[in-house]
């Protein structure tokens, strides 16, 4: 038990020293344009603080976490014997250490597993909308595409290369960012003189990048114009 608690104390000290020194250096250096200072402080200088923090954590456990108490000797003193002492683990120190480790473990579990953000970070959703044969391509400012995930939504921007064609059918091309873990993702396309049409994305709550574009799908329900949509998902990192 002492070895486990000593190791836990050292690891807590290592984390405190690593992050503390990295944050201190980044704060003293000030903000930079590309974040290189913060990265260097965390990966190059932070480990020095981690080593120091580990040593300090183990030292604190040996100084505070271990309580030494003398053992009562019998009234009849035996020649050649000396007063004995017995050591035990400090209960307040052990409880505090376990609570710290539990809190750090919960935070790591939340960030890595239960975090609302995607494991791959921001992901790019590429969308293609194929208009029915003979349908005229509308003006760019008249096209509105929304991507809804969880409680919010993003309006996809149309770049200069926002359209193409597939045979005699016009195709609208755009992209948007996904960031949240959720089982509800909805794409809505609004065109002039047409009712808004929506597609529910067939993706898991925490999806991986797709190998390519999906099959073409018509909108949910029975739209008046048979506009088809397909998509692909790629990780930004």
Protein backbone atom coordinates (compact mmCIF):
# COMPACT_ATOMS: atom_id res chain seq x y z
CA UNK A 1 0.00 0.00 0.00
CA UNK A 2 2.83 2.42 0.80
CA UNK A 3 4.43 1.80 -2.58
CA UNK A 4 1.14 2.45 -4.36
CA UNK A 5 0.43 5.65 -2.41
CA UNK A 6 4.02 6.82 -2.88
CA UNK A 7 3.77 6.26 -6.62
CA UNK A 8 0.42 8.07 -6.74
CA UNK A 9 1.91 11.00 -4.84
CA UNK A 10 4.82 11.13 -7.27
CA UNK A 11 2.52 11.03 -10.32
CA UNK A 12 0.33 13.81 -8.94
CA UNK A 13 3.44 15.86 -8.29
CA UNK A 14 4.70 15.10 -11.80
CA UNK A 15 1.47 16.36 -13.40
CA UNK A 16 1.47 19.46 -11.21
CA UNK A 17 5.10 20.25 -11.99
CA UNK A 18 4.73 19.56 -15.73
CA UNK A 19 1.65 21.71 -16.28
CA UNK A 20 2.70 24.34 -13.74
CA UNK A 21 6.10 24.99 -15.31
CA UNK A 22 4.70 24.89 -18.86
CA UNK A 23 1.95 27.39 -18.01
CA UNK A 24 4.42 29.65 -16.19
CA UNK A 25 6.82 29.72 -19.16
CA UNK A 26 4.01 30.30 -21.66
CA UNK A 27 2.60 33.11 -19.52
CA UNK A 28 5.97 34.84 -19.14
CA UNK A 29 6.70 34.47 -22.87
CA UNK A 30 3.37 36.03 -23.79
CA UNK A 31 1.05 35.17 -26.67
CA UNK A 32 2.42 34.27 -30.07
CA UNK A 33 0.79 34.04 -33.45
CA UNK A 34 0.99 30.31 -34.19
CA UNK A 35 1.07 28.79 -30.69
CA UNK A 36 4.68 27.58 -31.04
CA UNK A 37 5.70 29.04 -27.68
CA UNK A 38 2.99 27.14 -25.82
CA UNK A 39 3.84 23.89 -27.62
CA UNK A 40 7.53 24.29 -26.84
CA UNK A 41 6.79 25.12 -23.21
CA UNK A 42 4.63 22.01 -22.83
CA UNK A 43 6.75 19.44 -24.67
CA UNK A 44 10.28 20.74 -24.10
CA UNK A 45 10.27 22.58 -20.77
CA UNK A 46 7.28 20.88 -19.13
CA UNK A 47 9.06 17.50 -18.68
CA UNK A 48 11.69 19.21 -16.50
CA UNK A 49 8.94 20.35 -14.18
CA UNK A 50 7.48 16.84 -14.31
CA UNK A 51 10.72 15.26 -13.05
CA UNK A 52 11.02 17.85 -10.28
CA UNK A 53 7.36 17.41 -9.35
CA UNK A 54 7.71 13.61 -9.16
CA UNK A 55 10.66 13.89 -6.77
CA UNK A 56 8.83 16.45 -4.65
CA UNK A 57 5.70 14.29 -4.56
CA UNK A 58 7.59 11.24 -3.33
CA UNK A 59 9.46 13.39 -0.78
CA UNK A 60 6.20 14.85 0.54
CA UNK A 61 4.79 11.36 0.94
CA UNK A 62 7.82 10.26 2.96
CA UNK A 63 7.70 13.41 5.11
CA UNK A 64 3.96 13.92 5.56
CA UNK A 65 2.32 10.72 4.42
CA UNK A 66 4.27 8.54 6.83
CA UNK A 67 3.61 9.14 10.55
CA UNK A 68 6.09 7.71 13.01
CA UNK A 69 5.01 6.98 16.60
CA UNK A 70 7.04 5.54 19.44
CA UNK A 71 6.11 2.12 20.80
CA UNK A 72 5.52 1.77 24.54
CA UNK A 73 8.16 -0.40 26.23
CA UNK A 74 7.54 -2.62 29.22
CA UNK A 75 8.19 -1.18 32.70
CA UNK A 76 11.08 -3.59 33.19
CA UNK A 77 13.88 -2.37 31.01
CA UNK A 78 15.87 -5.08 29.31
CA UNK A 79 19.58 -4.31 29.07
CA UNK A 80 20.75 -3.63 25.51
CA UNK A 81 17.34 -2.56 24.16
CA UNK A 82 16.41 0.88 22.86
CA UNK A 83 13.17 2.72 22.41
CA UNK A 84 11.35 1.41 19.31
CA UNK A 85 9.21 3.33 16.84
CA UNK A 86 6.47 2.28 14.46
CA UNK A 87 5.37 4.05 11.30
CA UNK A 88 1.96 4.18 9.66
CA UNK A 89 0.31 5.95 6.73
CA UNK A 90 -1.27 9.31 7.56
CA UNK A 91 -5.02 8.93 7.07
CA UNK A 92 -5.70 12.60 6.08
CA UNK A 93 -2.83 12.53 3.57
CA UNK A 94 -4.02 9.23 2.07
CA UNK A 95 -7.63 10.47 1.75
CA UNK A 96 -6.52 13.73 0.14
CA UNK A 97 -4.26 11.87 -2.28
CA UNK A 98 -6.98 9.38 -3.27
CA UNK A 99 -9.47 12.21 -3.84
CA UNK A 100 -6.96 14.05 -6.05
CA UNK A 101 -6.27 10.94 -8.10
CA UNK A 102 -9.98 10.19 -8.39
CA UNK A 103 -10.66 13.74 -9.56
CA UNK A 104 -7.87 13.59 -12.15
CA UNK A 105 -9.09 10.17 -13.31
CA UNK A 106 -12.64 11.46 -13.72
CA UNK A 107 -11.38 14.48 -15.67
CA UNK A 108 -9.34 12.26 -18.01
CA UNK A 109 -12.30 9.89 -18.45
CA UNK A 110 -14.57 12.81 -19.30
CA UNK A 111 -12.15 14.43 -21.75
CA UNK A 112 -11.08 11.25 -23.53
CA UNK A 113 -14.27 9.18 -23.44
CA UNK A 114 -17.27 11.17 -22.30
CA UNK A 115 -16.23 14.50 -23.80
CA UNK A 116 -18.92 16.07 -26.00
CA UNK A 117 -16.30 16.72 -28.66
CA UNK A 118 -15.35 14.24 -31.37
CA UNK A 119 -12.33 12.03 -30.72
CA UNK A 120 -10.81 13.13 -34.05
CA UNK A 121 -11.31 16.78 -33.18
CA UNK A 122 -12.95 19.00 -35.78
CA UNK A 123 -13.97 16.99 -38.83
CA UNK A 124 -14.83 18.26 -42.30
CA UNK A 125 -18.15 17.22 -43.81
CA UNK A 126 -18.12 17.52 -47.60
CA UNK A 127 -21.60 17.72 -49.13
CA UNK A 128 -22.88 17.39 -52.72
CA UNK A 129 -26.44 18.13 -53.81
CA UNK A 130 -27.52 16.89 -57.25
CA UNK A 131 -30.43 18.83 -58.69
CA UNK A 132 -33.11 17.15 -60.86
CA UNK A 133 -32.58 17.04 -64.64
CA UNK A 134 -33.43 20.35 -66.26
CA UNK A 135 -33.47 22.32 -63.01
CA UNK A 136 -31.63 25.64 -63.33
CA UNK A 137 -28.81 26.33 -60.90
CA UNK A 138 -29.91 29.13 -58.54
CA UNK A 139 -27.76 32.12 -57.63
CA UNK A 140 -25.26 31.48 -54.89
CA UNK A 141 -26.84 34.00 -52.51
CA UNK A 142 -30.18 32.18 -52.82
CA UNK A 143 -28.77 28.86 -51.57
CA UNK A 144 -28.80 28.13 -47.83
CA UNK A 145 -27.38 24.92 -46.36
CA UNK A 146 -27.55 24.21 -42.63
CA UNK A 147 -25.85 21.36 -40.77
CA UNK A 148 -27.43 20.69 -37.40
CA UNK A 149 -25.75 18.69 -34.63
CA UNK A 150 -26.92 18.53 -31.04
CA UNK A 151 -28.57 21.82 -30.07
CA UNK A 152 -26.86 24.11 -32.59
CA UNK A 153 -26.34 24.38 -36.31
CA UNK A 154 -23.76 25.65 -38.79
CA UNK A 155 -24.46 27.46 -42.05
CA UNK A 156 -22.21 25.99 -44.74
CA UNK A 157 -20.39 28.57 -46.81
CA UNK A 158 -20.30 28.36 -50.60
CA UNK A 159 -16.85 29.06 -52.02
CA UNK A 160 -15.99 30.19 -55.53
CA UNK A 161 -16.04 26.55 -56.64
CA UNK A 162 -19.49 25.86 -55.22
CA UNK A 163 -21.06 24.02 -58.15
CA UNK A 164 -20.33 21.41 -60.84
CA UNK A 165 -22.34 18.97 -62.88
CA UNK A 166 -23.02 15.26 -63.25
CA UNK A 167 -24.07 14.76 -66.83
CA UNK A 168 -27.02 17.05 -67.43
CA UNK A 169 -27.64 17.59 -63.71
CA UNK A 170 -26.26 20.56 -61.76
CA UNK A 171 -24.45 19.77 -58.48
CA UNK A 172 -24.02 22.13 -55.51
CA UNK A 173 -20.79 21.50 -53.57
CA UNK A 174 -20.01 22.74 -50.07
CA UNK A 175 -18.48 21.70 -46.75
CA UNK A 176 -19.00 22.28 -43.03
CA UNK A 177 -17.31 21.35 -39.75
CA UNK A 178 -18.53 18.74 -37.29
CA UNK A 179 -17.35 18.91 -33.69
CA UNK A 180 -19.82 17.22 -31.31
CA UNK A 181 -20.60 13.64 -30.38
CA UNK A 182 -24.28 13.18 -31.13
CA UNK A 183 -26.61 10.74 -32.78
CA UNK A 184 -28.64 13.52 -34.41
CA UNK A 185 -27.13 15.25 -37.45
CA UNK A 186 -29.37 16.85 -40.00
CA UNK A 187 -28.55 18.62 -43.27
CA UNK A 188 -31.12 21.08 -44.61
CA UNK A 189 -31.07 22.63 -48.10
CA UNK A 190 -33.21 25.65 -48.90
CA UNK A 191 -33.58 26.85 -52.51
CA UNK A 192 -35.76 29.65 -53.91
CA UNK A 193 -39.33 28.62 -54.74
CA UNK A 194 -38.70 25.20 -53.19
CA UNK A 195 -39.64 23.81 -49.78
CA UNK A 196 -36.72 23.16 -47.46
CA UNK A 197 -35.43 19.60 -47.77
CA UNK A 198 -33.57 17.68 -45.06
CA UNK A 199 -31.35 14.62 -44.86
CA UNK A 200 -30.39 12.79 -41.70
CA UNK A 201 -26.74 11.73 -41.79
CA UNK A 202 -26.13 8.02 -41.31
CA UNK A 203 -23.19 8.43 -38.92
CA UNK A 204 -22.40 7.15 -35.45
CA UNK A 205 -22.25 9.59 -32.54
CA UNK A 206 -18.43 9.58 -32.67
CA UNK A 207 -17.69 8.71 -36.32
CA UNK A 208 -14.45 7.85 -38.06
CA UNK A 209 -13.51 9.35 -41.43
CA UNK A 210 -15.35 7.74 -44.34
CA UNK A 211 -13.37 6.09 -47.16
CA UNK A 212 -15.21 8.13 -49.79
CA UNK A 213 -18.55 9.67 -50.65
CA UNK A 214 -21.71 7.89 -49.59
CA UNK A 215 -24.42 6.78 -51.96
CA UNK A 216 -26.87 9.39 -53.23
CA UNK A 217 -29.97 9.84 -51.08
CA UNK A 218 -33.18 11.77 -51.62
CA UNK A 219 -34.45 13.99 -48.82
CA UNK A 220 -36.52 12.62 -45.95
CA UNK A 221 -40.22 12.38 -46.75
CA UNK A 222 -41.57 12.92 -50.24
CA UNK A 223 -40.09 16.16 -51.58
CA UNK A 224 -41.60 17.81 -54.61
CA UNK A 225 -38.20 18.04 -56.32
CA UNK A 226 -36.01 14.96 -56.24
CA UNK A 227 -32.77 16.54 -55.08
CA UNK A 228 -30.17 13.96 -54.06
CA UNK A 229 -27.37 14.38 -51.54
CA UNK A 230 -24.21 12.48 -50.69
CA UNK A 231 -21.38 13.21 -48.27
CA UNK A 232 -17.97 12.21 -47.01
CA UNK A 233 -16.27 12.87 -43.67
CA UNK A 234 -12.58 13.56 -43.15
CA UNK A 235 -10.52 14.33 -40.05
CA UNK A 236 -8.72 17.65 -39.83
CA UNK A 237 -5.79 16.04 -38.00
